[in-house]
Each structure stands twice: as structure tokens, then as C-alpha cells.
Amino acid sequence: MLRNTRFKWTLAAVGVFAVAGLIGACDPEDEPTPSTQNDAGTKTDAGTNTDAGSITDAGTKTDAGTNTDAGTTTDAGTTTDAGTTTDAGTTTDAGTQTSLPLAVDGTWAASGYMGAGGQGGLVDEPICHTPRPGAGLGNCHKFTATQKQPDTAWAGVFWQFPEGAWADDPRPGFQVPDGANAVSFYAWSESGGEAVDFFVGYEGKDGFTKKINVTLTNEPTKYTLDISKIRYGTVGGGFGWSAGGLDVKPLVLFIDDIQWH
């Protein structure tokens, strides 16, 4: 009986010390005991990657210097913002060039219908020769001119800037780049043999005009208006043609690759 009583006291004492030890270990104000292996050097308390120097807290690429924040190509100098061909090498609101050779189509508009053309007797169709002659700059033109009134047996077209602006229009013409000495083009007709005038410049408004008269063939032929001795600036009449003989038969005229160079 006495032996059992001692055993019970012994177990009770052990339990008290064990509980005291647990309470001491959980006390947040107590520092780990240096001689205890579990408290002094476990990876959990003394130097876990999570608390002491994890990549997430101390210097992730996301916070410290990602390409997105520090200097992405989009923010620092994309091709679109820094110097695209569209922004750096075009000219006007119409989308025309600023360098030679200069296509007449797209700079001046074939809007100045004359003679029978002003009476509905002229049709302009984008029909090209195969292959296109020359460099093929600008548009292909197939003009069909027919007489509409007995007293109007001729037709013609002026390429104008601004569109629809005649010689008496106060708006300035297109500022042609310096250095052009010729206006060249290819022309031919359906049957050949027709006499046609080709010209450039409004005499009064542009300060010059240049004209040649040619007899067409039925094959694409290159012609040149020499402007090497002309001093020009803004040009309202970039190119044009006129022809008579509509009282004899309609004219079917092809023109392509019209350019200042």
C-alpha cells in the first residue's frame, strides 16, 4: 500500500514538472536556451528561408526590377513611337510623299475635267497594261472621251492640288521637293495616231507651264516634260492632257507611271 502511494506521488511530481516545462517553452518572452538542441538551432526558429531571407520578401524580380517596370521596349522606345516610316517619311494629310521621285497620283487628283469631260463625256477607269510600264508609280488610267455637245469636240483632264482647285483658286498648290527636272509618263491609245497635248503647271498660279504635243501609238511609250530650267515652288497643276477630234471618233487613251523626278 505504501509502495503504491509513493508511486502515485512520483507520477504526480513528474506531471507537474512536465506541465511547467511546456508552459515555459510556450512563453513568448523567454529566449531559446543555448544548450537545448531543439530550441537553439532548429531551422524553423533560427533561420528559415521564410522569415530570414526568402526570395519572396527580400528581392523578388517582380518587386526589385522587372522589365515591365524598369524599362520595357513598349515604354522606352517602340518603333511605332520613335520613328515609323508613316510618321517620319510622309508629308501631308493626304498621305503624299515628300521625296523624289514623286508620284503624281496620290499627290494631285485627276479632278479637273475639261471640254466634253465637263459635260459627262469622259470616263476614267483604273485599267492597267500587263505588265505595267516603267516603275508603275501612281494609278493606271484608261480615259474614254466622247463628244456630248456639237460645239465641244475636245476633252482633257488636269491633276489638281487641292482637289478641284483651278488656276484662280486662292489655296496654295502642293509644295514639290527641290531637285525635280522632269515630269515623265507613259501614254498610248487604243488605235494609235491621235495627237494629244500633255502639260504641267498653271501659268498664272504656279508661275510656269510646260507643254508637249505627241502623236500616240498603240504601245506604251515614255514621254518627258523638261522642267530643268523652271523655278517652281507650290504647284496646283501637277499634270494634264487634252485632245481634240472627238467629232471624228471617241478617244481611248491610256496613261501610267506619271511622276516628278
Protein backbone atom coordinates (compact mmCIF):
# COMPACT_ATOMS: atom_id res chain seq x y z
CA MET A 1 0.00 0.00 0.00
CA LEU A 2 2.79 2.40 0.92
CA ARG A 3 4.64 1.46 -2.27
CA ASN A 4 1.60 2.37 -4.35
CA THR A 5 1.26 5.70 -2.57
CA ARG A 6 4.91 6.62 -3.35
CA PHE A 7 4.40 5.64 -6.94
CA LYS A 8 1.40 7.94 -7.20
CA TRP A 9 3.34 10.88 -5.69
CA THR A 10 6.18 10.25 -8.06
CA LEU A 11 3.88 10.32 -11.11
CA ALA A 12 2.21 13.49 -9.86
CA ALA A 13 5.56 15.22 -9.45
CA VAL A 14 6.66 14.20 -12.90
CA GLY A 15 3.42 15.55 -14.36
CA VAL A 16 3.84 18.89 -12.59
CA PHE A 17 7.39 19.36 -13.92
CA ALA A 18 6.31 18.34 -17.42
CA VAL A 19 3.48 20.87 -17.45
CA ALA A 20 5.81 23.56 -16.12
CA GLY A 21 8.30 22.77 -18.86
CA LEU A 22 5.62 23.10 -21.55
CA ILE A 23 4.42 26.42 -20.17
CA GLY A 24 7.99 27.74 -20.10
CA ALA A 25 8.58 26.66 -23.67
CA CYS A 26 5.44 28.46 -24.87
CA ASP A 27 6.18 31.73 -23.05
CA PRO A 28 6.87 34.30 -25.87
CA GLU A 29 9.09 36.46 -23.68
CA ASP A 30 11.62 33.66 -22.98
CA GLU A 31 14.59 33.30 -25.36
CA PRO A 32 15.66 29.87 -26.57
CA THR A 33 18.09 28.08 -24.23
CA PRO A 34 21.53 27.82 -25.92
CA SER A 35 22.20 24.31 -24.69
CA THR A 36 18.98 22.83 -25.96
CA GLN A 37 19.36 21.38 -29.43
CA ASN A 38 15.67 21.71 -30.30
CA ASP A 39 15.44 25.42 -29.26
CA ALA A 40 18.86 26.77 -30.25
CA GLY A 41 19.33 25.65 -33.80
CA THR A 42 16.26 24.34 -35.47
CA LYS A 43 15.75 25.56 -38.99
CA THR A 44 12.25 26.60 -38.08
CA ASP A 45 13.17 29.25 -35.44
CA ALA A 46 16.76 30.30 -36.18
CA GLY A 47 16.96 30.77 -39.92
CA THR A 48 14.16 29.56 -42.07
CA ASN A 49 14.05 30.76 -45.62
CA THR A 50 10.59 32.03 -44.91
CA ASP A 51 11.47 34.51 -42.11
CA ALA A 52 15.15 35.40 -42.51
CA GLY A 53 15.70 35.87 -46.21
CA SER A 54 13.21 34.32 -48.51
CA ILE A 55 13.36 35.28 -52.14
CA THR A 56 9.76 36.37 -51.94
CA ASP A 57 10.33 39.06 -49.27
CA ALA A 58 13.94 40.13 -49.78
CA GLY A 59 14.25 40.73 -53.51
CA THR A 60 11.97 39.12 -55.99
CA LYS A 61 12.38 40.05 -59.57
CA THR A 62 8.82 41.26 -59.62
CA ASP A 63 9.42 43.98 -56.97
CA ALA A 64 13.09 44.82 -57.46
CA GLY A 65 13.39 45.38 -61.20
CA THR A 66 11.22 43.58 -63.67
CA ASN A 67 11.47 44.53 -67.30
CA THR A 68 7.88 45.69 -67.13
CA ASP A 69 8.55 48.40 -64.51
CA ALA A 70 12.16 49.29 -65.23
CA GLY A 71 12.16 49.85 -68.99
CA THR A 72 10.14 47.74 -71.35
CA THR A 73 10.51 48.22 -75.06
CA THR A 74 6.92 49.42 -75.18
CA ASP A 75 7.53 52.33 -72.79
CA ALA A 76 11.10 53.18 -73.63
CA GLY A 77 11.06 53.43 -77.43
CA THR A 78 8.89 51.25 -79.60
CA THR A 79 9.23 51.52 -83.32
CA THR A 80 5.74 52.97 -83.52
CA ASP A 81 6.52 55.91 -81.24
CA ALA A 82 10.16 56.50 -82.04
CA GLY A 83 10.21 56.71 -85.83
CA THR A 84 7.93 54.67 -88.02
CA THR A 85 8.04 55.18 -91.73
CA THR A 86 4.50 56.51 -91.59
CA ASP A 87 5.37 59.32 -89.17
CA ALA A 88 8.90 60.06 -90.28
CA GLY A 89 8.72 59.99 -94.06
CA THR A 90 5.28 61.03 -95.25
CA THR A 91 4.12 64.53 -95.87
CA THR A 92 0.64 65.88 -95.92
CA ASP A 93 -2.76 64.96 -94.55
CA ALA A 94 -3.49 63.33 -97.90
CA GLY A 95 -0.65 60.86 -97.48
CA THR A 96 1.62 62.15 -100.24
CA GLN A 97 5.37 61.76 -100.42
CA THR A 98 7.97 64.38 -99.61
CA SER A 99 10.80 62.97 -101.66
CA LEU A 100 11.57 62.40 -105.32
CA PRO A 101 10.56 60.59 -107.43
CA LEU A 102 7.09 61.89 -106.67
CA ALA A 103 4.02 60.06 -107.99
CA VAL A 104 1.51 62.48 -109.48
CA ASP A 105 -1.41 60.26 -108.48
CA GLY A 106 -1.91 60.43 -104.74
CA THR A 107 -0.40 63.92 -104.65
CA TRP A 108 -2.57 65.70 -107.20
CA ALA A 109 -6.08 64.48 -108.04
CA ALA A 110 -7.32 63.89 -111.60
CA SER A 111 -10.30 66.12 -110.90
CA GLY A 112 -10.09 68.96 -113.45
CA TYR A 113 -12.29 67.67 -116.30
CA MET A 114 -12.37 69.96 -119.33
CA GLY A 115 -14.30 70.23 -122.61
CA ALA A 116 -16.52 67.22 -123.17
CA GLY A 117 -15.19 65.89 -119.89
CA GLY A 118 -17.06 68.64 -118.05
CA GLN A 119 -20.24 67.57 -119.84
CA GLY A 120 -20.13 63.94 -118.78
CA GLY A 121 -18.24 62.78 -121.86
CA LEU A 122 -15.17 61.42 -120.06
CA VAL A 123 -14.73 58.16 -118.16
CA ASP A 124 -11.59 57.32 -116.13
CA GLU A 125 -11.08 53.62 -115.36
CA PRO A 126 -8.19 52.00 -113.41
CA ILE A 127 -7.25 49.55 -116.17
CA CYS A 128 -3.56 48.64 -116.40
CA HIS A 129 -1.34 47.28 -119.12
CA THR A 130 0.26 43.91 -118.30
CA PRO A 131 2.99 44.34 -117.27
CA ARG A 132 2.75 47.95 -116.13
CA PRO A 133 5.31 50.14 -117.90
CA GLY A 134 8.15 51.88 -116.10
CA ALA A 135 8.10 51.96 -112.31
CA GLY A 136 4.32 51.79 -112.20
CA LEU A 137 4.04 54.74 -109.78
CA GLY A 138 0.58 56.05 -109.03
CA ASN A 139 -2.56 54.81 -110.76
CA CYS A 140 -3.32 53.30 -114.15
CA HIS A 141 -5.74 55.33 -116.27
CA LYS A 142 -7.93 54.36 -119.20
CA PHE A 143 -9.71 57.52 -120.40
CA THR A 144 -12.60 57.21 -122.82
CA ALA A 145 -13.63 60.61 -124.25
CA THR A 146 -16.75 61.12 -126.37
CA GLN A 147 -18.41 64.22 -127.76
CA LYS A 148 -21.56 65.27 -125.89
CA GLN A 149 -22.34 68.65 -127.44
CA PRO A 150 -21.98 69.63 -131.12
CA ASP A 151 -19.68 72.52 -130.25
CA THR A 152 -17.43 70.56 -127.89
CA ALA A 153 -15.23 68.15 -129.80
CA TRP A 154 -12.38 68.05 -127.32
CA ALA A 155 -11.70 66.80 -123.77
CA GLY A 156 -8.98 66.91 -121.16
CA VAL A 157 -8.02 66.48 -117.51
CA PHE A 158 -5.91 68.47 -115.03
CA TRP A 159 -4.41 66.77 -111.96
CA GLN A 160 -5.07 69.34 -109.23
CA PHE A 161 -3.98 70.19 -105.68
CA PRO A 162 -6.09 70.74 -103.71
CA GLU A 163 -8.59 68.50 -105.47
CA GLY A 164 -10.86 70.58 -107.70
CA ALA A 165 -8.73 73.72 -107.41
CA TRP A 166 -8.35 75.61 -110.69
CA ALA A 167 -5.84 78.34 -111.50
CA ASP A 168 -7.99 81.04 -109.90
CA ASP A 169 -8.33 79.16 -106.60
CA PRO A 170 -6.52 81.13 -103.84
CA ARG A 171 -5.43 78.00 -101.97
CA PRO A 172 -1.74 77.14 -102.50
CA GLY A 173 -0.71 74.13 -104.52
CA PHE A 174 1.44 71.26 -103.39
CA GLN A 175 4.99 72.04 -102.21
CA VAL A 176 7.09 69.93 -104.55
CA PRO A 177 10.51 68.87 -103.20
CA ASP A 178 13.51 70.65 -104.68
CA GLY A 179 15.55 68.99 -107.40
CA ALA A 180 12.97 67.81 -109.94
CA ASN A 181 13.98 68.43 -113.53
CA ALA A 182 11.40 66.36 -115.42
CA VAL A 183 7.84 65.09 -115.38
CA SER A 184 7.66 61.77 -117.20
CA PHE A 185 4.84 59.35 -118.02
CA TYR A 186 3.81 56.51 -120.32
CA ALA A 187 0.95 57.03 -122.78
CA TRP A 188 -0.68 55.14 -125.65
CA SER A 189 -4.07 54.83 -127.32
CA GLU A 190 -6.29 52.01 -128.43
CA SER A 191 -5.80 52.54 -132.15
CA GLY A 192 -2.80 54.93 -132.36
CA GLY A 193 -2.36 58.05 -134.46
CA GLU A 194 -4.14 60.57 -132.19
CA ALA A 195 -2.49 63.92 -131.42
CA VAL A 196 -2.55 64.78 -127.70
CA ASP A 197 -1.17 67.70 -125.69
CA PHE A 198 0.46 66.94 -122.33
CA PHE A 199 1.35 69.72 -119.90
CA VAL A 200 2.25 70.67 -116.34
CA GLY A 201 1.73 73.85 -114.29
CA TYR A 202 -0.81 76.68 -114.12
CA GLU A 203 0.73 79.63 -115.96
CA GLY A 204 -0.54 82.31 -113.57
CA LYS A 205 -0.87 80.50 -110.26
CA ASP A 206 2.24 78.29 -110.42
CA GLY A 207 4.36 80.78 -112.36
CA PHE A 208 5.15 78.38 -115.20
CA THR A 209 3.69 75.93 -117.68
CA LYS A 210 5.33 73.35 -119.91
CA LYS A 211 3.64 71.55 -122.82
CA ILE A 212 4.47 68.96 -125.47
CA ASN A 213 2.37 67.60 -128.35
CA VAL A 214 2.76 63.93 -129.26
CA THR A 215 1.22 61.51 -131.74
CA LEU A 216 0.29 58.37 -129.86
CA THR A 217 0.99 54.78 -130.82
CA ASN A 218 -0.88 51.73 -129.56
CA GLU A 219 2.08 50.63 -127.41
CA PRO A 220 3.16 52.15 -124.08
CA THR A 221 5.68 54.89 -124.86
CA LYS A 222 7.58 57.07 -122.42
CA TYR A 223 7.34 60.86 -122.78
CA THR A 224 9.07 63.62 -120.79
CA LEU A 225 8.25 67.22 -119.94
CA ASP A 226 11.57 69.02 -119.36
CA ILE A 227 11.34 71.38 -116.35
CA SER A 228 15.08 71.59 -115.65
CA LYS A 229 15.11 75.36 -116.28
CA ILE A 230 11.93 76.08 -114.35
CA ARG A 231 11.92 77.54 -110.84
CA TYR A 232 8.92 76.12 -109.04
CA GLY A 233 7.52 76.15 -105.51
CA THR A 234 3.95 75.20 -104.77
CA VAL A 235 2.27 73.59 -107.79
CA GLY A 236 -1.50 73.47 -108.29
CA GLY A 237 -1.48 71.80 -111.72
CA GLY A 238 0.70 68.73 -111.35
CA PHE A 239 -0.05 67.24 -114.79
CA GLY A 240 -2.66 67.29 -117.55
CA TRP A 241 -3.68 66.36 -121.07
CA SER A 242 -6.12 67.50 -123.77
CA ALA A 243 -7.09 66.20 -127.20
CA GLY A 244 -9.49 67.09 -130.00
CA GLY A 245 -11.04 65.14 -132.84
CA LEU A 246 -13.96 63.78 -130.85
CA ASP A 247 -16.27 64.80 -133.67
CA VAL A 248 -14.49 62.19 -135.75
CA LYS A 249 -14.31 59.36 -133.23
CA PRO A 250 -14.06 58.82 -129.48
CA LEU A 251 -10.61 58.77 -127.92
CA VAL A 252 -9.43 55.83 -125.81
CA LEU A 253 -6.27 57.00 -124.03
CA PHE A 254 -4.07 55.12 -121.54
CA ILE A 255 -1.66 56.85 -119.12
CA ASP A 256 0.54 55.31 -116.41
CA ASP A 257 3.59 55.92 -114.18
CA ILE A 258 3.22 59.73 -114.04
CA GLN A 259 5.99 61.12 -111.85
CA TRP A 260 8.08 64.15 -110.96
CA HIS A 261 11.77 63.29 -110.73
